[in-house]
C-alpha atoms as a PDB file:
ATOM      1  CA  UNK A   1      25.060   2.910  -0.324  1.00  0.00           C
ATOM      2  CA  UNK A   2      21.366   2.873  -1.125  1.00  0.00           C
ATOM      3  CA  UNK A   3      19.887   0.073   1.124  1.00  0.00           C
ATOM      4  CA  UNK A   4      17.302   0.014  -2.090  1.00  0.00           C
ATOM      5  CA  UNK A   5      20.053  -1.930  -4.213  1.00  0.00           C
ATOM      6  CA  UNK A   6      20.729  -4.147  -1.740  1.00  0.00           C
ATOM      7  CA  UNK A   7      19.837  -8.262  -2.873  1.00  0.00           C
ATOM      8  CA  UNK A   8      20.202 -11.572  -1.073  1.00  0.00           C
ATOM      9  CA  UNK A   9      18.879 -14.027  -3.068  1.00  0.00           C
ATOM     10  CA  UNK A  10      19.156 -18.169  -2.579  1.00  0.00           C
ATOM     11  CA  UNK A  11      19.428 -20.924  -4.809  1.00  0.00           C
ATOM     12  CA  UNK A  12      20.386 -24.712  -4.393  1.00  0.00           C
ATOM     13  CA  UNK A  13      23.592 -25.298  -6.059  1.00  0.00           C
ATOM     14  CA  UNK A  14      24.288 -29.329  -7.400  1.00  0.00           C
ATOM     15  CA  UNK A  15      27.821 -30.339  -5.606  1.00  0.00           C
ATOM     16  CA  UNK A  16      29.687 -31.430  -8.617  1.00  0.00           C
ATOM     17  CA  UNK A  17      28.429 -28.423 -10.421  1.00  0.00           C
ATOM     18  CA  UNK A  18      29.507 -26.341  -7.776  1.00  0.00           C
ATOM     19  CA  UNK A  19      33.083 -28.426  -7.722  1.00  0.00           C
ATOM     20  CA  UNK A  20      33.353 -27.407 -11.364  1.00  0.00           C
ATOM     21  CA  UNK A  21      32.606 -23.823 -10.509  1.00  0.00           C
ATOM     22  CA  UNK A  22      35.353 -23.490  -7.455  1.00  0.00           C
ATOM     23  CA  UNK A  23      37.794 -25.153  -9.940  1.00  0.00           C
ATOM     24  CA  UNK A  24      37.437 -23.018 -13.065  1.00  0.00           C
ATOM     25  CA  UNK A  25      37.952 -19.833 -10.940  1.00  0.00           C
ATOM     26  CA  UNK A  26      34.351 -18.594 -10.328  1.00  0.00           C
ATOM     27  CA  UNK A  27      34.633 -17.696  -6.472  1.00  0.00           C
ATOM     28  CA  UNK A  28      37.234 -15.698  -4.974  1.00  0.00           C
ATOM     29  CA  UNK A  29      38.345 -14.914  -1.204  1.00  0.00           C
ATOM     30  CA  UNK A  30      38.907 -11.650   0.034  1.00  0.00           C
ATOM     31  CA  UNK A  31      42.069 -11.080   1.871  1.00  0.00           C
ATOM     32  CA  UNK A  32      40.242 -10.124   5.014  1.00  0.00           C
ATOM     33  CA  UNK A  33      39.263 -13.675   5.844  1.00  0.00           C
ATOM     34  CA  UNK A  34      41.334 -15.429   8.137  1.00  0.00           C
ATOM     35  CA  UNK A  35      42.896 -18.615   5.954  1.00  0.00           C
ATOM     36  CA  UNK A  36      42.513 -22.354   5.437  1.00  0.00           C
ATOM     37  CA  UNK A  37      42.498 -24.005   8.658  1.00  0.00           C
ATOM     38  CA  UNK A  38      40.606 -27.273   8.764  1.00  0.00           C
ATOM     39  CA  UNK A  39      42.652 -30.786   9.010  1.00  0.00           C
ATOM     40  CA  UNK A  40      42.055 -33.622   7.000  1.00  0.00           C
ATOM     41  CA  UNK A  41      39.371 -35.155  10.000  1.00  0.00           C
ATOM     42  CA  UNK A  42      37.157 -32.393   9.142  1.00  0.00           C
ATOM     43  CA  UNK A  43      37.569 -32.637   5.591  1.00  0.00           C
ATOM     44  CA  UNK A  44      36.347 -36.535   6.197  1.00  0.00           C
ATOM     45  CA  UNK A  45      33.526 -35.550   8.100  1.00  0.00           C
ATOM     46  CA  UNK A  46      32.239 -33.055   5.819  1.00  0.00           C
ATOM     47  CA  UNK A  47      31.973 -35.741   2.942  1.00  0.00           C
ATOM     48  CA  UNK A  48      30.492 -38.226   5.720  1.00  0.00           C
ATOM     49  CA  UNK A  49      27.686 -35.512   5.970  1.00  0.00           C
ATOM     50  CA  UNK A  50      27.592 -35.389   2.200  1.00  0.00           C
ATOM     51  CA  UNK A  51      27.161 -39.200   1.541  1.00  0.00           C
ATOM     52  CA  UNK A  52      24.315 -39.453   4.669  1.00  0.00           C
ATOM     53  CA  UNK A  53      22.363 -36.341   3.032  1.00  0.00           C
ATOM     54  CA  UNK A  54      23.112 -34.228   6.208  1.00  0.00           C
ATOM     55  CA  UNK A  55      22.822 -30.298   5.606  1.00  0.00           C
ATOM     56  CA  UNK A  56      26.278 -28.836   5.730  1.00  0.00           C
ATOM     57  CA  UNK A  57      25.305 -25.299   5.889  1.00  0.00           C
ATOM     58  CA  UNK A  58      25.023 -22.474   3.508  1.00  0.00           C
ATOM     59  CA  UNK A  59      27.934 -20.938   1.057  1.00  0.00           C
ATOM     60  CA  UNK A  60      27.459 -16.820   1.355  1.00  0.00           C
ATOM     61  CA  UNK A  61      29.440 -14.636  -1.203  1.00  0.00           C
ATOM     62  CA  UNK A  62      29.114 -11.361  -2.295  1.00  0.00           C
ATOM     63  CA  UNK A  63      28.761 -10.383  -6.184  1.00  0.00           C
ATOM     64  CA  UNK A  64      30.457  -6.982  -6.864  1.00  0.00           C
ATOM     65  CA  UNK A  65      31.869  -5.363 -10.086  1.00  0.00           C
ATOM     66  CA  UNK A  66      34.175  -3.841  -7.549  1.00  0.00           C
ATOM     67  CA  UNK A  67      37.672  -5.819  -7.755  1.00  0.00           C
ATOM     68  CA  UNK A  68      39.922  -6.142  -4.599  1.00  0.00           C
ATOM     69  CA  UNK A  69      43.297  -5.253  -6.221  1.00  0.00           C
ATOM     70  CA  UNK A  70      44.376  -8.402  -4.492  1.00  0.00           C
ATOM     71  CA  UNK A  71      42.773 -11.093  -3.020  1.00  0.00           C
ATOM     72  CA  UNK A  72      42.965 -15.006  -2.864  1.00  0.00           C
ATOM     73  CA  UNK A  73      41.594 -17.894  -4.751  1.00  0.00           C
ATOM     74  CA  UNK A  74      40.702 -20.909  -3.277  1.00  0.00           C
ATOM     75  CA  UNK A  75      43.358 -22.679  -1.640  1.00  0.00           C
ATOM     76  CA  UNK A  76      45.072 -19.850  -0.358  1.00  0.00           C
ATOM     77  CA  UNK A  77      47.113 -18.556  -2.850  1.00  0.00           C
ATOM     78  CA  UNK A  78      46.902 -15.018  -3.853  1.00  0.00           C
ATOM     79  CA  UNK A  79      46.148 -13.479  -7.453  1.00  0.00           C
ATOM     80  CA  UNK A  80      46.603  -9.569  -7.819  1.00  0.00           C
ATOM     81  CA  UNK A  81      43.388  -9.303 -10.525  1.00  0.00           C
ATOM     82  CA  UNK A  82      41.115 -11.047 -11.080  1.00  0.00           C
ATOM     83  CA  UNK A  83      41.594 -11.540 -14.648  1.00  0.00           C
ATOM     84  CA  UNK A  84      39.527 -11.235 -17.626  1.00  0.00           C
ATOM     85  CA  UNK A  85      36.441 -12.362 -17.971  1.00  0.00           C
ATOM     86  CA  UNK A  86      35.626 -12.494 -14.339  1.00  0.00           C
ATOM     87  CA  UNK A  87      33.120  -9.607 -13.880  1.00  0.00           C
ATOM     88  CA  UNK A  88      31.065  -9.830 -12.103  1.00  0.00           C
ATOM     89  CA  UNK A  89      33.143 -11.020  -8.757  1.00  0.00           C
ATOM     90  CA  UNK A  90      32.275 -13.330  -6.586  1.00  0.00           C
ATOM     91  CA  UNK A  91      33.453 -13.240  -3.407  1.00  0.00           C
ATOM     92  CA  UNK A  92      33.574 -16.230  -0.358  1.00  0.00           C
ATOM     93  CA  UNK A  93      32.182 -14.622   2.589  1.00  0.00           C
ATOM     94  CA  UNK A  94      31.087 -17.979   4.582  1.00  0.00           C
ATOM     95  CA  UNK A  95      31.865 -21.780   3.209  1.00  0.00           C
ATOM     96  CA  UNK A  96      35.812 -20.889   2.814  1.00  0.00           C
ATOM     97  CA  UNK A  97      36.569 -24.174   4.871  1.00  0.00           C
ATOM     98  CA  UNK A  98      33.765 -26.168   3.132  1.00  0.00           C
ATOM     99  CA  UNK A  99      34.845 -25.024  -0.585  1.00  0.00           C
ATOM    100  CA  UNK A 100      38.273 -25.370  -0.313  1.00  0.00           C
ATOM    101  CA  UNK A 101      38.389 -28.923   1.117  1.00  0.00           C
ATOM    102  CA  UNK A 102      35.723 -29.854  -1.439  1.00  0.00           C
ATOM    103  CA  UNK A 103      37.542 -28.683  -4.159  1.00  0.00           C
ATOM    104  CA  UNK A 104      40.826 -30.126  -2.948  1.00  0.00           C
ATOM    105  CA  UNK A 105      39.483 -33.701  -2.061  1.00  0.00           C
ATOM    106  CA  UNK A 106      37.804 -33.866  -5.063  1.00  0.00           C
ATOM    107  CA  UNK A 107      40.501 -33.356  -7.478  1.00  0.00           C
ATOM    108  CA  UNK A 108      43.222 -34.597  -5.184  1.00  0.00           C
ATOM    109  CA  UNK A 109      46.774 -34.491  -5.265  1.00  0.00           C
ATOM    110  CA  UNK A 110      49.458 -32.234  -3.361  1.00  0.00           C
ATOM    111  CA  UNK A 111      50.447 -27.821  -3.505  1.00  0.00           C
ATOM    112  CA  UNK A 112      47.248 -27.299  -3.772  1.00  0.00           C
ATOM    113  CA  UNK A 113      46.509 -25.817  -0.415  1.00  0.00           C
ATOM    114  CA  UNK A 114      48.934 -22.696   1.019  1.00  0.00           C
ATOM    115  CA  UNK A 115      50.668 -23.870   3.792  1.00  0.00           C
ATOM    116  CA  UNK A 116      50.044 -28.074   3.455  1.00  0.00           C
ATOM    117  CA  UNK A 117      51.675 -28.073  -0.215  1.00  0.00           C
ATOM    118  CA  UNK A 118      53.266 -31.695   0.931  1.00  0.00           C
ATOM    119  CA  UNK A 119      49.972 -33.511   1.919  1.00  0.00           C
ATOM    120  CA  UNK A 120      47.894 -35.551  -0.373  1.00  0.00           C
ATOM    121  CA  UNK A 121      44.752 -34.413  -0.392  1.00  0.00           C
ATOM    122  CA  UNK A 122      43.056 -37.140  -3.061  1.00  0.00           C
ATOM    123  CA  UNK A 123      40.336 -38.838  -0.922  1.00  0.00           C
ATOM    124  CA  UNK A 124      38.903 -42.442  -1.356  1.00  0.00           C
ATOM    125  CA  UNK A 125      36.248 -44.486  -0.432  1.00  0.00           C
ATOM    126  CA  UNK A 126      36.599 -47.775   1.083  1.00  0.00           C
ATOM    127  CA  UNK A 127      33.550 -50.134   0.104  1.00  0.00           C
ATOM    128  CA  UNK A 128      33.392 -52.939   2.634  1.00  0.00           C
ATOM    129  CA  UNK A 129      33.834 -49.975   5.598  1.00  0.00           C
ATOM    130  CA  UNK A 130      31.884 -47.197   4.188  1.00  0.00           C
ATOM    131  CA  UNK A 131      34.196 -44.673   5.128  1.00  0.00           C
ATOM    132  CA  UNK A 132      36.480 -42.105   3.435  1.00  0.00           C
ATOM    133  CA  UNK A 133      39.941 -41.956   3.565  1.00  0.00           C
ATOM    134  CA  UNK A 134      42.811 -40.478   2.092  1.00  0.00           C
ATOM    135  CA  UNK A 135      45.677 -40.970   0.074  1.00  0.00           C
ATOM    136  CA  UNK A 136      48.140 -41.495   3.320  1.00  0.00           C
ATOM    137  CA  UNK A 137      45.756 -44.333   4.462  1.00  0.00           C
ATOM    138  CA  UNK A 138      45.848 -46.304   1.243  1.00  0.00           C
ATOM    139  CA  UNK A 139      48.291 -49.150   1.887  1.00  0.00           C
ATOM    140  CA  UNK A 140      46.566 -49.015   5.419  1.00  0.00           C
ATOM    141  CA  UNK A 141      43.107 -49.901   3.552  1.00  0.00           C
ATOM    142  CA  UNK A 142      44.247 -51.913   0.939  1.00  0.00           C
ATOM    143  CA  UNK A 143      45.864 -54.729   4.269  1.00  0.00           C
ATOM    144  CA  UNK A 144      42.501 -55.083   5.206  1.00  0.00           C
ATOM    145  CA  UNK A 145      40.468 -55.064   1.640  1.00  0.00           C
ATOM    146  CA  UNK A 146      41.331 -55.539  -1.947  1.00  0.00           C
ATOM    147  CA  UNK A 147      41.774 -52.711  -4.272  1.00  0.00           C
ATOM    148  CA  UNK A 148      39.089 -53.115  -5.957  1.00  0.00           C
ATOM    149  CA  UNK A 149      36.995 -51.737  -2.652  1.00  0.00           C
ATOM    150  CA  UNK A 150      38.825 -48.986  -2.533  1.00  0.00           C
ATOM    151  CA  UNK A 151      37.648 -46.210  -5.031  1.00  0.00           C
ATOM    152  CA  UNK A 152      39.305 -42.683  -5.699  1.00  0.00           C
ATOM    153  CA  UNK A 153      36.095 -40.003  -5.431  1.00  0.00           C
ATOM    154  CA  UNK A 154      36.811 -38.245  -8.146  1.00  0.00           C
ATOM    155  CA  UNK A 155      36.244 -42.096 -10.481  1.00  0.00           C
ATOM    156  CA  UNK A 156      33.201 -42.751  -8.949  1.00  0.00           C
ATOM    157  CA  UNK A 157      30.722 -41.471 -11.409  1.00  0.00           C
ATOM    158  CA  UNK A 158      33.244 -42.265 -14.246  1.00  0.00           C
ATOM    159  CA  UNK A 159      32.642 -46.283 -12.936  1.00  0.00           C
ATOM    160  CA  UNK A 160      31.039 -48.716 -15.237  1.00  0.00           C
ATOM    161  CA  UNK A 161      27.326 -49.601 -14.487  1.00  0.00           C
ATOM    162  CA  UNK A 162      27.947 -53.037 -14.016  1.00  0.00           C
ATOM    163  CA  UNK A 163      31.439 -52.114 -11.509  1.00  0.00           C
ATOM    164  CA  UNK A 164      29.690 -54.024  -8.978  1.00  0.00           C
ATOM    165  CA  UNK A 165      29.421 -57.476 -10.596  1.00  0.00           C
ATOM    166  CA  UNK A 166      33.293 -57.591 -10.822  1.00  0.00           C
ATOM    167  CA  UNK A 167      33.621 -57.089  -6.921  1.00  0.00           C
ATOM    168  CA  UNK A 168      31.047 -60.123  -6.184  1.00  0.00           C
ATOM    169  CA  UNK A 169      33.484 -63.143  -6.330  1.00  0.00           C
ATOM    170  CA  UNK A 170      36.346 -61.039  -4.180  1.00  0.00           C
ATOM    171  CA  UNK A 171      36.926 -61.400  -0.820  1.00  0.00           C
ATOM    172  CA  UNK A 172      34.670 -59.609   2.221  1.00  0.00           C
ATOM    173  CA  UNK A 173      31.887 -58.868  -0.533  1.00  0.00           C
ATOM    174  CA  UNK A 174      28.638 -58.405   1.086  1.00  0.00           C
ATOM    175  CA  UNK A 175      25.466 -56.571  -0.202  1.00  0.00           C
ATOM    176  CA  UNK A 176      26.226 -53.552   2.097  1.00  0.00           C
ATOM    177  CA  UNK A 177      28.958 -52.690  -1.206  1.00  0.00           C
ATOM    178  CA  UNK A 178      26.323 -52.177  -3.433  1.00  0.00           C
ATOM    179  CA  UNK A 179      24.390 -50.133  -1.098  1.00  0.00           C
ATOM    180  CA  UNK A 180      27.411 -48.118   0.082  1.00  0.00           C
ATOM    181  CA  UNK A 181      28.527 -47.366  -3.955  1.00  0.00           C
ATOM    182  CA  UNK A 182      24.670 -46.497  -5.050  1.00  0.00           C
ATOM    183  CA  UNK A 183      24.917 -44.444  -1.663  1.00  0.00           C
ATOM    184  CA  UNK A 184      27.915 -42.604  -2.536  1.00  0.00           C
ATOM    185  CA  UNK A 185      26.818 -42.112  -7.007  1.00  0.00           C
ATOM    186  CA  UNK A 186      23.462 -40.660  -5.249  1.00  0.00           C
ATOM    187  CA  UNK A 187      24.864 -38.170  -2.952  1.00  0.00           C
ATOM    188  CA  UNK A 188      27.257 -36.967  -5.718  1.00  0.00           C
ATOM    189  CA  UNK A 189      24.628 -36.543  -8.149  1.00  0.00           C
ATOM    190  CA  UNK A 190      21.589 -35.098  -6.109  1.00  0.00           C
ATOM    191  CA  UNK A 191      23.250 -33.470  -3.202  1.00  0.00           C
ATOM    192  CA  UNK A 192      22.344 -29.700  -3.404  1.00  0.00           C
ATOM    193  CA  UNK A 193      24.354 -26.948  -1.060  1.00  0.00           C
ATOM    194  CA  UNK A 194      22.312 -23.477  -0.698  1.00  0.00           C
ATOM    195  CA  UNK A 195      24.622 -20.669  -2.115  1.00  0.00           C
ATOM    196  CA  UNK A 196      23.406 -16.913  -0.442  1.00  0.00           C
ATOM    197  CA  UNK A 197      23.989 -14.471  -3.097  1.00  0.00           C
ATOM    198  CA  UNK A 198      24.500 -10.614  -1.799  1.00  0.00           C
ATOM    199  CA  UNK A 199      24.238  -7.915  -4.155  1.00  0.00           C
ATOM    200  CA  UNK A 200      24.511  -4.092  -3.757  1.00  0.00           C
ATOM    201  CA  UNK A 201      26.399  -3.893  -0.921  1.00  0.00           C
ATOM    202  CA  UNK A 202      29.824  -2.032  -0.796  1.00  0.00           C
ATOM    203  CA  UNK A 203      33.247  -3.418   1.030  1.00  0.00           C
ATOM    204  CA  UNK A 204      32.211  -1.847   4.363  1.00  0.00           C
ATOM    205  CA  UNK A 205      29.107  -3.957   4.369  1.00  0.00           C
ATOM    206  CA  UNK A 206      30.575  -7.061   4.066  1.00  0.00           C
ATOM    207  CA  UNK A 207      33.569  -6.916   6.333  1.00  0.00           C
ATOM    208  CA  UNK A 208      30.947  -6.177   8.276  1.00  0.00           C
ATOM    209  CA  UNK A 209      28.794  -9.174   7.720  1.00  0.00           C
ATOM    210  CA  UNK A 210      32.062 -11.322   7.280  1.00  0.00           C
ATOM    211  CA  UNK A 211      32.953 -10.436  11.658  1.00  0.00           C
ATOM    212  CA  UNK A 212      29.179 -10.734  12.305  1.00  0.00           C
ATOM    213  CA  UNK A 213      28.846 -14.179  10.693  1.00  0.00           C
ATOM    214  CA  UNK A 214      32.015 -15.457  12.444  1.00  0.00           C
ATOM    215  CA  UNK A 215      31.640 -15.062  15.362  1.00  0.00           C
ATOM    216  CA  UNK A 216      29.779 -18.422  16.294  1.00  0.00           C
ATOM    217  CA  UNK A 217      31.716 -21.876  15.584  1.00  0.00           C
ATOM    218  CA  UNK A 218      35.155 -21.155  15.709  1.00  0.00           C
ATOM    219  CA  UNK A 219      35.356 -17.915  16.635  1.00  0.00           C
ATOM    220  CA  UNK A 220      37.825 -15.077  15.139  1.00  0.00           C
ATOM    221  CA  UNK A 221      40.585 -14.065  16.857  1.00  0.00           C
ATOM    222  CA  UNK A 222      41.089 -10.188  18.162  1.00  0.00           C
ATOM    223  CA  UNK A 223      43.655  -9.677  15.149  1.00  0.00           C
ATOM    224  CA  UNK A 224      40.730 -11.732  12.444  1.00  0.00           C
ATOM    225  CA  UNK A 225      38.831  -9.091  13.628  1.00  0.00           C
ATOM    226  CA  UNK A 226      41.077  -5.967  13.468  1.00  0.00           C
ATOM    227  CA  UNK A 227      41.930  -7.484   9.974  1.00  0.00           C
ATOM    228  CA  UNK A 228      38.292  -7.229   9.056  1.00  0.00           C
ATOM    229  CA  UNK A 229      37.511  -3.658  10.146  1.00  0.00           C
ATOM    230  CA  UNK A 230      40.812  -2.073   9.077  1.00  0.00           C
ATOM    231  CA  UNK A 231      40.124  -3.882   5.187  1.00  0.00           C
ATOM    232  CA  UNK A 232      40.983  -1.302   2.170  1.00  0.00           C
ATOM    233  CA  UNK A 233      40.840  -2.049  -1.172  1.00  0.00           C
ATOM    234  CA  UNK A 234      44.615  -1.494  -1.902  1.00  0.00           C
ATOM    235  CA  UNK A 235      46.623  -2.982  -5.158  1.00  0.00           C
ATOM    236  CA  UNK A 236      49.514  -4.391  -2.957  1.00  0.00           C
ATOM    237  CA  UNK A 237      49.469  -7.020   0.153  1.00  0.00           C
ATOM    238  CA  UNK A 238      52.396  -7.552   2.566  1.00  0.00           C
ATOM    239  CA  UNK A 239      52.360 -11.009   3.523  1.00  0.00           C
ATOM    240  CA  UNK A 240      55.300 -13.082   5.422  1.00  0.00           C
ATOM    241  CA  UNK A 241      53.936 -16.427   2.774  1.00  0.00           C
ATOM    242  CA  UNK A 242      53.192 -14.216  -0.351  1.00  0.00           C
ATOM    243  CA  UNK A 243      56.596 -16.034  -1.384  1.00  0.00           C
ATOM    244  CA  UNK A 244      55.134 -19.381  -1.231  1.00  0.00           C
ATOM    245  CA  UNK A 245      52.637 -18.378  -4.258  1.00  0.00           C
END
């Protein structure tokens, strides 16, 4: 591979635009990546960081005209090809856990994550406590606060501008409710995530890059490393969970 063709670009992407691109299949997951391993607490911490305008790291992806015959969509489900209109292809090399978490929790519902089919990822925000929680804890929060204070994340930007005025008369209301909702709206409209795009790299290059960047944080297992090192662009995949897709 001619190293003169290798390009590394950086752009800041608004979080809502990124979620839209994820939802419309603009990004794929190469099968040499491990599967989704985050638990609900990780996802809540991710959104809490966004709410507080804390950095959540970069998303690294490989843009290429090389079609991996088998890859995964966000959520872990296998796809046999990229389908029409998906050239060039964009494969996430670092950020699968975060992008999957953002997409699943924003849109909510069950069946969106392979291996976690029964969990409802619908995420809410408690305006009294200024904290995120999942569907399974909705009635626990409702026991302590009026449902008007419990907002589904996906509904936040569609709330009327005067939504706060309907909360003033409810038990538990304080000015912190107004501040919390304003801060949440601001996060969804202004928070940006840096995306690093690699171009001009071949499959061997990106497998090596993937291995190196994953030797910090949650380290790859020996099997993860062997899968990345031995990855070939075969037209089929052998996986014990393939029938779940």
